[in-house]
N, C-alpha and C. Protein backbone atom coordinates (compact mmCIF):
# COMPACT_ATOMS: atom_id res chain seq x y z
N MET A 1 0.81 -1.20 -0.06
CA MET A 1 0.16 -0.04 0.03
C MET A 1 0.99 1.27 -0.05
N ARG A 2 0.57 2.17 -0.80
CA ARG A 2 1.36 3.40 -0.95
C ARG A 2 0.69 4.39 0.00
N VAL A 3 1.37 5.17 0.86
CA VAL A 3 0.77 6.02 1.75
C VAL A 3 1.65 7.44 1.64
N LYS A 4 1.07 8.44 1.95
CA LYS A 4 1.63 9.82 1.73
C LYS A 4 1.65 10.57 3.09
N CYS A 5 2.86 10.99 3.55
CA CYS A 5 3.05 11.65 4.83
C CYS A 5 2.17 12.88 4.84
N VAL A 6 1.47 13.33 5.72
CA VAL A 6 0.59 14.52 5.68
C VAL A 6 1.43 15.85 5.87
N ILE A 7 2.81 15.81 6.33
CA ILE A 7 3.39 16.84 6.71
C ILE A 7 4.45 17.14 5.66
N CYS A 8 5.26 16.05 5.21
CA CYS A 8 6.35 16.26 4.26
C CYS A 8 5.98 15.76 2.86
N ASP A 9 4.86 15.18 2.64
CA ASP A 9 4.43 14.66 1.51
C ASP A 9 5.28 13.61 0.79
N ALA A 10 6.07 12.92 1.63
CA ALA A 10 6.77 11.80 1.15
C ALA A 10 6.01 10.56 0.93
N ILE A 11 6.23 9.86 -0.08
CA ILE A 11 5.57 8.71 -0.34
C ILE A 11 6.36 7.51 0.12
N HIS A 12 5.59 6.58 0.90
CA HIS A 12 6.20 5.37 1.58
C HIS A 12 5.33 4.18 1.27
N HIS A 13 5.87 2.97 1.38
CA HIS A 13 5.22 1.77 1.07
C HIS A 13 4.99 1.01 2.34
N LEU A 14 3.68 0.61 2.58
CA LEU A 14 3.45 -0.22 3.90
C LEU A 14 2.94 -1.55 3.21
N ASP A 15 3.23 -2.63 4.05
CA ASP A 15 2.78 -3.96 3.77
C ASP A 15 1.24 -3.87 4.11
N ASP A 16 0.64 -4.72 3.14
CA ASP A 16 -0.92 -4.59 3.21
C ASP A 16 -1.51 -5.18 4.35
N ASN A 17 -0.82 -6.08 5.01
CA ASN A 17 -1.24 -6.86 6.11
C ASN A 17 -0.99 -6.20 7.44
N LEU A 18 -0.24 -5.02 7.54
CA LEU A 18 0.00 -4.37 8.76
C LEU A 18 -1.22 -3.68 9.34
N PRO A 19 -1.36 -3.66 10.60
CA PRO A 19 -2.53 -3.18 11.22
C PRO A 19 -2.71 -1.65 10.72
N LEU A 20 -1.58 -0.92 10.68
CA LEU A 20 -1.71 0.59 10.26
C LEU A 20 -2.35 0.64 8.94
N ALA A 21 -1.96 -0.20 7.92
CA ALA A 21 -2.37 -0.25 6.64
C ALA A 21 -4.03 -0.51 6.56
N LYS A 22 -4.43 -1.52 7.41
CA LYS A 22 -5.77 -1.75 7.47
C LYS A 22 -6.54 -0.72 8.14
N LYS A 23 -5.96 0.05 9.11
CA LYS A 23 -6.64 1.25 9.75
C LYS A 23 -6.84 2.39 8.64
N LEU A 24 -5.86 2.57 7.79
CA LEU A 24 -6.03 3.63 6.89
C LEU A 24 -6.87 3.44 5.72
N ARG A 25 -6.89 2.21 5.43
CA ARG A 25 -7.75 1.70 4.38
C ARG A 25 -9.25 1.69 4.91
N ASN A 26 -9.63 1.35 5.96
CA ASN A 26 -10.91 1.14 6.46
C ASN A 26 -11.44 2.51 6.92
N ARG A 27 -10.60 3.37 7.36
CA ARG A 27 -11.18 4.58 7.97
C ARG A 27 -10.32 5.74 7.36
N PRO A 28 -10.89 6.35 6.36
CA PRO A 28 -10.20 7.24 5.56
C PRO A 28 -9.80 8.70 6.40
N ILE A 29 -10.51 8.84 7.65
CA ILE A 29 -10.26 10.03 8.41
C ILE A 29 -8.85 10.01 9.04
N HIS A 30 -8.37 8.70 9.23
CA HIS A 30 -6.97 8.54 9.80
C HIS A 30 -6.00 9.01 8.83
N THR A 31 -4.84 9.52 9.19
CA THR A 31 -3.76 9.94 8.24
C THR A 31 -2.43 9.24 8.71
N TYR A 32 -1.55 9.36 7.69
CA TYR A 32 -0.28 8.69 7.87
C TYR A 32 0.73 9.80 8.22
N MET A 33 1.62 9.52 9.26
CA MET A 33 2.83 10.40 9.38
C MET A 33 4.13 9.64 9.38
N CYS A 34 5.02 10.00 8.67
CA CYS A 34 6.36 9.14 8.56
C CYS A 34 7.08 9.16 9.91
N ASP A 35 7.88 8.23 10.10
CA ASP A 35 8.61 8.26 11.32
C ASP A 35 9.54 9.56 11.43
N THR A 36 10.09 9.98 10.54
CA THR A 36 10.88 11.27 10.62
C THR A 36 10.17 12.30 11.11
N CYS A 37 8.91 12.60 10.56
CA CYS A 37 8.24 13.78 10.97
C CYS A 37 7.70 13.53 12.53
N HIS A 38 7.28 12.22 12.80
CA HIS A 38 6.75 11.90 14.16
C HIS A 38 7.98 12.12 15.18
N ASP A 39 9.01 11.76 14.78
CA ASP A 39 10.15 11.89 15.85
C ASP A 39 10.58 13.49 15.94
N ARG A 40 10.35 14.06 14.84
CA ARG A 40 10.70 15.66 14.93
C ARG A 40 9.66 16.29 15.80
N ILE A 41 8.34 15.98 15.64
CA ILE A 41 7.34 16.52 16.36
C ILE A 41 7.53 16.12 17.93
N LYS A 42 7.87 14.93 18.09
CA LYS A 42 8.06 14.44 19.58
C LYS A 42 9.27 15.17 20.19
N ASP A 43 10.39 15.42 19.44
CA ASP A 43 11.40 16.14 19.96
C ASP A 43 11.07 17.61 20.29
N ASN A 44 10.43 18.19 19.43
CA ASN A 44 10.03 19.66 19.64
C ASN A 44 9.02 19.84 20.86
N THR A 45 8.04 18.73 20.90
CA THR A 45 7.10 18.80 22.12
C THR A 45 7.99 18.67 23.30
N ILE A 46 8.89 17.75 23.51
CA ILE A 46 9.65 17.61 24.64
C ILE A 46 10.36 18.86 24.92
N ALA A 47 10.93 19.51 24.07
CA ALA A 47 11.75 20.74 24.25
C ALA A 47 10.82 21.80 24.75
N ARG A 48 9.51 21.88 24.41
CA ARG A 48 8.57 22.87 24.69
C ARG A 48 8.12 22.47 26.18
N ILE A 49 7.93 21.40 26.56
CA ILE A 49 7.70 20.98 27.85
C ILE A 49 8.71 21.36 28.89
N GLU A 50 10.11 21.04 28.52
CA GLU A 50 11.10 21.51 29.23
C GLU A 50 11.25 23.07 29.66
N THR A 51 10.66 23.84 28.69
CA THR A 51 10.70 25.24 28.99
C THR A 51 9.74 25.70 30.12
N GLY A 52 8.85 24.96 30.25
CA GLY A 52 7.72 25.26 31.25
C GLY A 52 6.73 26.05 30.79
N ASN A 53 6.60 26.42 29.61
CA ASN A 53 5.65 27.33 28.95
C ASN A 53 4.58 26.38 28.29
N PHE A 54 4.72 25.20 28.54
CA PHE A 54 3.91 24.19 27.66
C PHE A 54 2.71 23.83 28.66
N ARG A 55 1.44 23.94 27.99
CA ARG A 55 0.35 23.56 28.95
C ARG A 55 -0.43 22.45 28.11
N PHE A 56 -0.88 21.57 28.88
CA PHE A 56 -1.77 20.45 28.34
C PHE A 56 -3.22 20.79 28.58
N TYR A 57 -3.90 21.08 27.41
CA TYR A 57 -5.31 21.51 27.66
C TYR A 57 -6.28 20.39 27.69
N ARG A 58 -5.93 19.13 27.43
CA ARG A 58 -6.73 18.01 27.45
C ARG A 58 -6.78 17.47 28.89
N THR A 59 -5.96 17.84 29.89
CA THR A 59 -6.07 17.35 31.05
C THR A 59 -6.61 18.39 32.14
N SER A 60 -6.65 17.84 33.39
CA SER A 60 -7.06 18.85 34.48
C SER A 60 -5.72 19.45 35.02
N PRO A 61 -6.06 20.68 35.57
CA PRO A 61 -4.90 21.41 36.19
C PRO A 61 -4.21 20.52 37.24
N GLN A 62 -4.86 19.63 37.98
CA GLN A 62 -4.23 18.90 38.95
C GLN A 62 -3.23 17.88 38.32
N MET A 63 -3.53 17.36 37.02
CA MET A 63 -2.60 16.34 36.43
C MET A 63 -1.39 17.20 35.90
N ASP A 64 -1.65 18.58 35.48
CA ASP A 64 -0.60 19.41 35.04
C ASP A 64 0.47 19.59 36.12
N LYS A 65 0.00 19.87 37.28
CA LYS A 65 0.80 19.99 38.45
C LYS A 65 1.70 18.76 38.72
N GLU A 66 1.18 17.55 38.68
CA GLU A 66 1.70 16.36 38.91
C GLU A 66 2.72 16.08 37.93
N PHE A 67 2.59 16.53 36.52
CA PHE A 67 3.30 16.21 35.51
C PHE A 67 4.74 17.03 35.69
């Protein structure tokens, strides 16, 4: 299965029997992000958390304090 990264528009090939390929095929709302872009976003998020100015909006303020 050919998939395209939503951020960098790189085209990758996935095995048709992988769970990710089945999820993308059966649910078109899900998008594919390559490992390079995923790692870059993860590193940038970790760097923003370390600055102390990052706020999690999906959690309660109590959980933010514990984190």
